[in-house]
Amino acid sequence: MKPDNNYKVGDSAEITHVFTAREVDIFAELSGDKNPVHLDEAYASRTQFKGRIVHGMLVSSLFSTIFGTVFPGEGSIYLGQNLRFTAPVKLGAEVKARVTISAIRPDKPIATFETVCSVGDQVVVSGDAAILLPA
């Protein structure tokens, strides 16, 4: 969180994460999404992906990590999120998640963020989010 709460368009933050098979297995158990493309290597190897892929919603959860702990940080409240899944994420790939303020409402402490996850130069998830900024 910025100490002076003086947010501006263009402010951004990013994190990187490598998803493991264990994390995907736990997410499948918690979410109930047990699609074998995420869990069964033999099955997934016969698909267009040629191996297990990470759940798109698990990848996009990196945005929540940033908003709640990095920027704007504690006290932020997620109001909405639009997502587009544009490429698969393989187990063990390094994912970079970045959020950037694209607009701030003048009447309320609400900001719109561009949200992007990428693996190398490939965008894998994109969208936008509305966040209630901390007081």
C-alpha atoms as a PDB file:
ATOM      1  CA  MET A   1       0.000   0.000   0.000  1.00  0.00           C
ATOM      2  CA  LYS A   2       1.243   3.463  -0.780  1.00  0.00           C
ATOM      3  CA  PRO A   3       1.795   5.283   2.510  1.00  0.00           C
ATOM      4  CA  ASP A   4       0.113   8.494   1.348  1.00  0.00           C
ATOM      5  CA  ASN A   5      -2.773   6.735  -0.476  1.00  0.00           C
ATOM      6  CA  ASN A   6      -1.996   9.002  -3.421  1.00  0.00           C
ATOM      7  CA  TYR A   7      -2.791   6.508  -6.164  1.00  0.00           C
ATOM      8  CA  LYS A   8      -2.472   7.499  -9.804  1.00  0.00           C
ATOM      9  CA  VAL A   9      -3.144   6.026 -13.219  1.00  0.00           C
ATOM     10  CA  GLY A  10      -0.138   3.966 -14.288  1.00  0.00           C
ATOM     11  CA  ASP A  11       0.816   2.770 -10.791  1.00  0.00           C
ATOM     12  CA  SER A  12       1.462  -0.973 -10.921  1.00  0.00           C
ATOM     13  CA  ALA A  13       2.790  -4.016  -9.116  1.00  0.00           C
ATOM     14  CA  GLU A  14       3.769  -7.525 -10.138  1.00  0.00           C
ATOM     15  CA  ILE A  15       4.647 -10.887  -8.694  1.00  0.00           C
ATOM     16  CA  THR A  16       5.899 -14.145 -10.160  1.00  0.00           C
ATOM     17  CA  HIS A  17       4.923 -17.672  -9.221  1.00  0.00           C
ATOM     18  CA  VAL A  18       5.649 -21.210 -10.398  1.00  0.00           C
ATOM     19  CA  PHE A  19       2.659 -23.526  -9.986  1.00  0.00           C
ATOM     20  CA  THR A  20       3.401 -27.042  -8.779  1.00  0.00           C
ATOM     21  CA  ALA A  21       1.448 -30.264  -9.235  1.00  0.00           C
ATOM     22  CA  ARG A  22       0.666 -30.185  -5.515  1.00  0.00           C
ATOM     23  CA  GLU A  23      -0.900 -26.712  -5.781  1.00  0.00           C
ATOM     24  CA  VAL A  24      -3.016 -27.803  -8.757  1.00  0.00           C
ATOM     25  CA  ASP A  25      -4.125 -30.933  -6.889  1.00  0.00           C
ATOM     26  CA  ILE A  26      -5.093 -28.885  -3.814  1.00  0.00           C
ATOM     27  CA  PHE A  27      -6.980 -26.341  -5.947  1.00  0.00           C
ATOM     28  CA  ALA A  28      -8.874 -29.174  -7.658  1.00  0.00           C
ATOM     29  CA  GLU A  29      -9.868 -30.556  -4.271  1.00  0.00           C
ATOM     30  CA  LEU A  30     -10.936 -27.152  -2.923  1.00  0.00           C
ATOM     31  CA  SER A  31     -12.773 -25.989  -6.042  1.00  0.00           C
ATOM     32  CA  GLY A  32     -14.229 -29.329  -7.091  1.00  0.00           C
ATOM     33  CA  ASP A  33     -12.833 -28.840 -10.624  1.00  0.00           C
ATOM     34  CA  LYS A  34     -11.323 -32.280 -11.152  1.00  0.00           C
ATOM     35  CA  ASN A  35     -11.057 -32.096 -14.926  1.00  0.00           C
ATOM     36  CA  PRO A  36      -8.400 -34.691 -15.851  1.00  0.00           C
ATOM     37  CA  VAL A  37      -6.583 -32.169 -18.074  1.00  0.00           C
ATOM     38  CA  HIS A  38      -5.418 -30.648 -14.781  1.00  0.00           C
ATOM     39  CA  LEU A  39      -4.852 -33.838 -12.789  1.00  0.00           C
ATOM     40  CA  ASP A  40      -4.070 -36.847 -14.985  1.00  0.00           C
ATOM     41  CA  GLU A  41      -0.825 -36.703 -16.974  1.00  0.00           C
ATOM     42  CA  ALA A  42      -1.741 -39.705 -19.149  1.00  0.00           C
ATOM     43  CA  TYR A  43      -5.080 -38.161 -20.072  1.00  0.00           C
ATOM     44  CA  ALA A  44      -3.661 -34.646 -20.514  1.00  0.00           C
ATOM     45  CA  SER A  45      -0.823 -35.896 -22.736  1.00  0.00           C
ATOM     46  CA  ARG A  46      -3.453 -37.039 -25.279  1.00  0.00           C
ATOM     47  CA  THR A  47      -5.043 -33.569 -25.443  1.00  0.00           C
ATOM     48  CA  GLN A  48      -4.059 -30.519 -27.478  1.00  0.00           C
ATOM     49  CA  PHE A  49      -2.052 -29.385 -24.439  1.00  0.00           C
ATOM     50  CA  LYS A  50       0.259 -32.448 -24.448  1.00  0.00           C
ATOM     51  CA  GLY A  51       0.375 -32.487 -20.637  1.00  0.00           C
ATOM     52  CA  ARG A  52      -1.240 -31.195 -17.469  1.00  0.00           C
ATOM     53  CA  ILE A  53      -2.205 -27.556 -17.323  1.00  0.00           C
ATOM     54  CA  VAL A  54      -2.935 -25.253 -14.397  1.00  0.00           C
ATOM     55  CA  HIS A  55      -6.546 -24.220 -13.799  1.00  0.00           C
ATOM     56  CA  GLY A  56      -7.136 -20.779 -15.302  1.00  0.00           C
ATOM     57  CA  MET A  57      -8.841 -19.618 -12.124  1.00  0.00           C
ATOM     58  CA  LEU A  58      -5.805 -20.674 -10.086  1.00  0.00           C
ATOM     59  CA  VAL A  59      -3.541 -18.656 -12.367  1.00  0.00           C
ATOM     60  CA  SER A  60      -5.845 -15.639 -12.132  1.00  0.00           C
ATOM     61  CA  SER A  61      -5.832 -15.898  -8.329  1.00  0.00           C
ATOM     62  CA  LEU A  62      -2.428 -14.215  -8.497  1.00  0.00           C
ATOM     63  CA  PHE A  63      -4.322 -10.956  -9.024  1.00  0.00           C
ATOM     64  CA  SER A  64      -6.023 -11.432  -5.656  1.00  0.00           C
ATOM     65  CA  THR A  65      -2.616 -12.038  -4.085  1.00  0.00           C
ATOM     66  CA  ILE A  66      -1.355  -8.722  -5.424  1.00  0.00           C
ATOM     67  CA  PHE A  67      -4.470  -6.733  -4.510  1.00  0.00           C
ATOM     68  CA  GLY A  68      -4.710  -8.085  -0.968  1.00  0.00           C
ATOM     69  CA  THR A  69      -1.053  -8.158   0.014  1.00  0.00           C
ATOM     70  CA  VAL A  70       1.088  -6.040  -2.319  1.00  0.00           C
ATOM     71  CA  PHE A  71      -0.803  -3.232  -4.068  1.00  0.00           C
ATOM     72  CA  PRO A  72      -2.953  -1.556  -2.965  1.00  0.00           C
ATOM     73  CA  GLY A  73      -2.554  -4.068  -0.095  1.00  0.00           C
ATOM     74  CA  GLU A  74      -4.322  -4.615   3.199  1.00  0.00           C
ATOM     75  CA  GLY A  75      -7.819  -3.196   3.301  1.00  0.00           C
ATOM     76  CA  SER A  76      -8.397  -3.496  -0.455  1.00  0.00           C
ATOM     77  CA  ILE A  77     -11.738  -4.982  -1.463  1.00  0.00           C
ATOM     78  CA  TYR A  78     -12.287  -6.804  -4.750  1.00  0.00           C
ATOM     79  CA  LEU A  79     -15.436  -5.449  -6.436  1.00  0.00           C
ATOM     80  CA  GLY A  80     -15.256  -7.230  -9.782  1.00  0.00           C
ATOM     81  CA  GLN A  81     -13.039  -8.955 -12.329  1.00  0.00           C
ATOM     82  CA  ASN A  82     -13.286  -9.708 -16.039  1.00  0.00           C
ATOM     83  CA  LEU A  83     -10.998 -12.445 -17.353  1.00  0.00           C
ATOM     84  CA  ARG A  84      -9.890 -13.775 -20.722  1.00  0.00           C
ATOM     85  CA  PHE A  85      -7.895 -17.012 -20.820  1.00  0.00           C
ATOM     86  CA  THR A  86      -5.702 -16.839 -23.911  1.00  0.00           C
ATOM     87  CA  ALA A  87      -3.127 -19.622 -23.478  1.00  0.00           C
ATOM     88  CA  PRO A  88      -2.561 -22.609 -21.196  1.00  0.00           C
ATOM     89  CA  VAL A  89      -0.083 -22.627 -18.316  1.00  0.00           C
ATOM     90  CA  LYS A  90       1.967 -25.791 -17.905  1.00  0.00           C
ATOM     91  CA  LEU A  91       3.054 -27.060 -14.513  1.00  0.00           C
ATOM     92  CA  GLY A  92       6.421 -25.581 -13.597  1.00  0.00           C
ATOM     93  CA  ALA A  93       6.096 -22.505 -15.829  1.00  0.00           C
ATOM     94  CA  GLU A  94       6.986 -19.164 -14.269  1.00  0.00           C
ATOM     95  CA  VAL A  95       3.927 -16.909 -14.373  1.00  0.00           C
ATOM     96  CA  LYS A  96       4.257 -13.139 -14.004  1.00  0.00           C
ATOM     97  CA  ALA A  97       1.124 -11.358 -12.806  1.00  0.00           C
ATOM     98  CA  ARG A  98       0.919  -7.583 -13.175  1.00  0.00           C
ATOM     99  CA  VAL A  99      -1.801  -5.110 -12.211  1.00  0.00           C
ATOM    100  CA  THR A 100      -1.841  -1.501 -13.396  1.00  0.00           C
ATOM    101  CA  ILE A 101      -4.255   1.284 -12.468  1.00  0.00           C
ATOM    102  CA  SER A 102      -6.082   2.355 -15.619  1.00  0.00           C
ATOM    103  CA  ALA A 103      -8.695   4.662 -14.036  1.00  0.00           C
ATOM    104  CA  ILE A 104      -9.669   6.123 -10.666  1.00  0.00           C
ATOM    105  CA  ARG A 105     -13.163   7.321  -9.891  1.00  0.00           C
ATOM    106  CA  PRO A 106     -13.166  10.950  -8.791  1.00  0.00           C
ATOM    107  CA  ASP A 107     -16.196  10.490  -6.504  1.00  0.00           C
ATOM    108  CA  LYS A 108     -15.197   7.284  -4.661  1.00  0.00           C
ATOM    109  CA  PRO A 109     -11.987   5.462  -3.719  1.00  0.00           C
ATOM    110  CA  ILE A 110     -12.460   2.905  -6.508  1.00  0.00           C
ATOM    111  CA  ALA A 111      -9.836   2.112  -9.105  1.00  0.00           C
ATOM    112  CA  THR A 112      -9.981   0.048 -12.279  1.00  0.00           C
ATOM    113  CA  PHE A 113      -6.908  -2.068 -12.932  1.00  0.00           C
ATOM    114  CA  GLU A 114      -5.637  -3.736 -16.074  1.00  0.00           C
ATOM    115  CA  THR A 115      -4.714  -7.305 -15.077  1.00  0.00           C
ATOM    116  CA  VAL A 116      -2.295  -9.470 -17.052  1.00  0.00           C
ATOM    117  CA  CYS A 117      -0.605 -12.818 -16.439  1.00  0.00           C
ATOM    118  CA  SER A 118       2.129 -13.935 -18.792  1.00  0.00           C
ATOM    119  CA  VAL A 119       4.595 -16.739 -19.278  1.00  0.00           C
ATOM    120  CA  GLY A 120       7.598 -15.188 -20.963  1.00  0.00           C
ATOM    121  CA  ASP A 121       6.213 -12.980 -23.740  1.00  0.00           C
ATOM    122  CA  GLN A 122       2.949 -14.966 -23.992  1.00  0.00           C
ATOM    123  CA  VAL A 123      -0.133 -13.435 -22.336  1.00  0.00           C
ATOM    124  CA  VAL A 124      -2.062 -16.270 -20.687  1.00  0.00           C
ATOM    125  CA  VAL A 125      -4.749 -14.338 -18.782  1.00  0.00           C
ATOM    126  CA  SER A 126      -5.882 -10.750 -19.225  1.00  0.00           C
ATOM    127  CA  GLY A 127      -8.715  -8.592 -18.055  1.00  0.00           C
ATOM    128  CA  ASP A 128      -9.625  -5.790 -15.732  1.00  0.00           C
ATOM    129  CA  ALA A 129     -10.620  -5.484 -12.100  1.00  0.00           C
ATOM    130  CA  ALA A 130     -12.437  -2.971  -9.930  1.00  0.00           C
ATOM    131  CA  ILE A 131     -10.935  -2.470  -6.479  1.00  0.00           C
ATOM    132  CA  LEU A 132     -12.123  -0.455  -3.500  1.00  0.00           C
ATOM    133  CA  LEU A 133      -8.955   1.255  -2.346  1.00  0.00           C
ATOM    134  CA  PRO A 134      -8.026   1.097   1.343  1.00  0.00           C
ATOM    135  CA  ALA A 135      -8.831   4.108   3.489  1.00  0.00           C
END
